[in-house]
Protein backbone atom coordinates (compact mmCIF):
# COMPACT_ATOMS: atom_id res chain seq x y z
CA UNK A 1 -77.77 -229.35 -100.67
CA UNK A 2 -79.63 -227.88 -97.70
CA UNK A 3 -77.68 -224.63 -98.02
CA UNK A 4 -78.42 -224.46 -101.73
CA UNK A 5 -82.14 -224.90 -101.10
CA UNK A 6 -82.06 -222.24 -98.40
CA UNK A 7 -80.24 -219.83 -100.72
CA UNK A 8 -82.72 -220.48 -103.52
CA UNK A 9 -85.70 -219.96 -101.19
CA UNK A 10 -84.16 -216.77 -99.82
CA UNK A 11 -83.57 -215.44 -103.34
CA UNK A 12 -87.16 -216.20 -104.40
CA UNK A 13 -88.62 -214.52 -101.32
CA UNK A 14 -86.39 -211.48 -101.76
CA UNK A 15 -87.15 -211.30 -105.48
CA UNK A 16 -90.92 -211.32 -104.85
CA UNK A 17 -90.62 -208.53 -102.29
CA UNK A 18 -88.54 -206.39 -104.64
CA UNK A 19 -90.94 -206.92 -107.56
CA UNK A 20 -93.96 -206.05 -105.40
CA UNK A 21 -92.25 -202.90 -104.17
CA UNK A 22 -91.39 -201.79 -107.70
CA UNK A 23 -94.98 -202.39 -108.84
CA UNK A 24 -96.27 -200.18 -106.04
CA UNK A 25 -93.64 -197.45 -106.45
CA UNK A 26 -93.96 -197.26 -110.23
CA UNK A 27 -97.76 -197.56 -110.06
CA UNK A 28 -97.99 -199.80 -113.10
CA UNK A 29 -101.43 -200.06 -114.62
CA UNK A 30 -102.79 -202.69 -116.98
CA UNK A 31 -105.16 -202.04 -119.87
CA UNK A 32 -107.77 -204.39 -121.25
CA UNK A 33 -105.72 -204.67 -124.46
CA UNK A 34 -102.65 -205.76 -122.48
CA UNK A 35 -104.71 -208.43 -120.75
CA UNK A 36 -106.02 -209.66 -124.10
CA UNK A 37 -102.49 -209.78 -125.54
CA UNK A 38 -101.23 -211.73 -122.52
CA UNK A 39 -104.15 -214.15 -122.80
CA UNK A 40 -103.38 -214.71 -126.50
CA UNK A 41 -99.67 -215.18 -125.77
CA UNK A 42 -100.48 -217.64 -123.00
CA UNK A 43 -102.77 -219.63 -125.28
CA UNK A 44 -99.99 -219.80 -127.86
CA UNK A 45 -97.34 -220.83 -125.30
CA UNK A 46 -99.61 -223.53 -123.91
CA UNK A 47 -100.78 -224.57 -127.38
CA UNK A 48 -104.43 -224.32 -126.38
CA UNK A 49 -107.51 -222.45 -127.52
CA UNK A 50 -107.88 -218.85 -126.40
CA UNK A 51 -111.35 -219.75 -125.10
CA UNK A 52 -109.74 -222.06 -122.54
CA UNK A 53 -107.62 -219.22 -121.21
CA UNK A 54 -110.73 -217.04 -120.86
CA UNK A 55 -112.59 -219.88 -119.19
CA UNK A 56 -109.76 -220.36 -116.70
CA UNK A 57 -109.10 -216.68 -115.91
CA UNK A 58 -112.62 -215.37 -116.42
CA UNK A 59 -113.99 -213.11 -119.13
CA UNK A 60 -112.49 -209.99 -117.54
CA UNK A 61 -109.04 -211.64 -117.29
CA UNK A 62 -108.52 -209.84 -113.97
CA UNK A 63 -106.49 -212.75 -112.61
CA UNK A 64 -103.86 -212.06 -115.28
CA UNK A 65 -103.32 -208.49 -114.10
CA UNK A 66 -100.74 -209.49 -111.51
CA UNK A 67 -98.70 -211.38 -114.12
CA UNK A 68 -98.73 -208.43 -116.52
CA UNK A 69 -97.66 -206.03 -113.77
CA UNK A 70 -94.87 -208.42 -112.81
CA UNK A 71 -93.61 -208.50 -116.39
CA UNK A 72 -93.70 -204.71 -116.53
CA UNK A 73 -91.66 -204.53 -113.32
CA UNK A 74 -89.11 -207.02 -114.67
CA UNK A 75 -88.85 -205.00 -117.90
CA UNK A 76 -88.45 -201.81 -115.86
CA UNK A 77 -85.60 -203.41 -113.89
CA UNK A 78 -83.76 -204.38 -117.06
CA UNK A 79 -84.22 -200.93 -118.59
CA UNK A 80 -83.01 -199.16 -115.43
CA UNK A 81 -79.99 -201.22 -114.42
């Protein structure tokens, strides 16, 4: 079990480093519309009001930018395998 946990932790750490590197190298940007779409999708997934998402992340939704960039990097990986 200890080895499995170590392997899982190693994978997660490695995955995060690879994603961050891809984001930097590909210079992904995020538009206001993309942030709004992600906020709406998050509200739907969580079955809550969109206003709650804005209240949590702020009116500018800047805290969601990292998540959107991460999704773009993951999509880029799948498209460029």
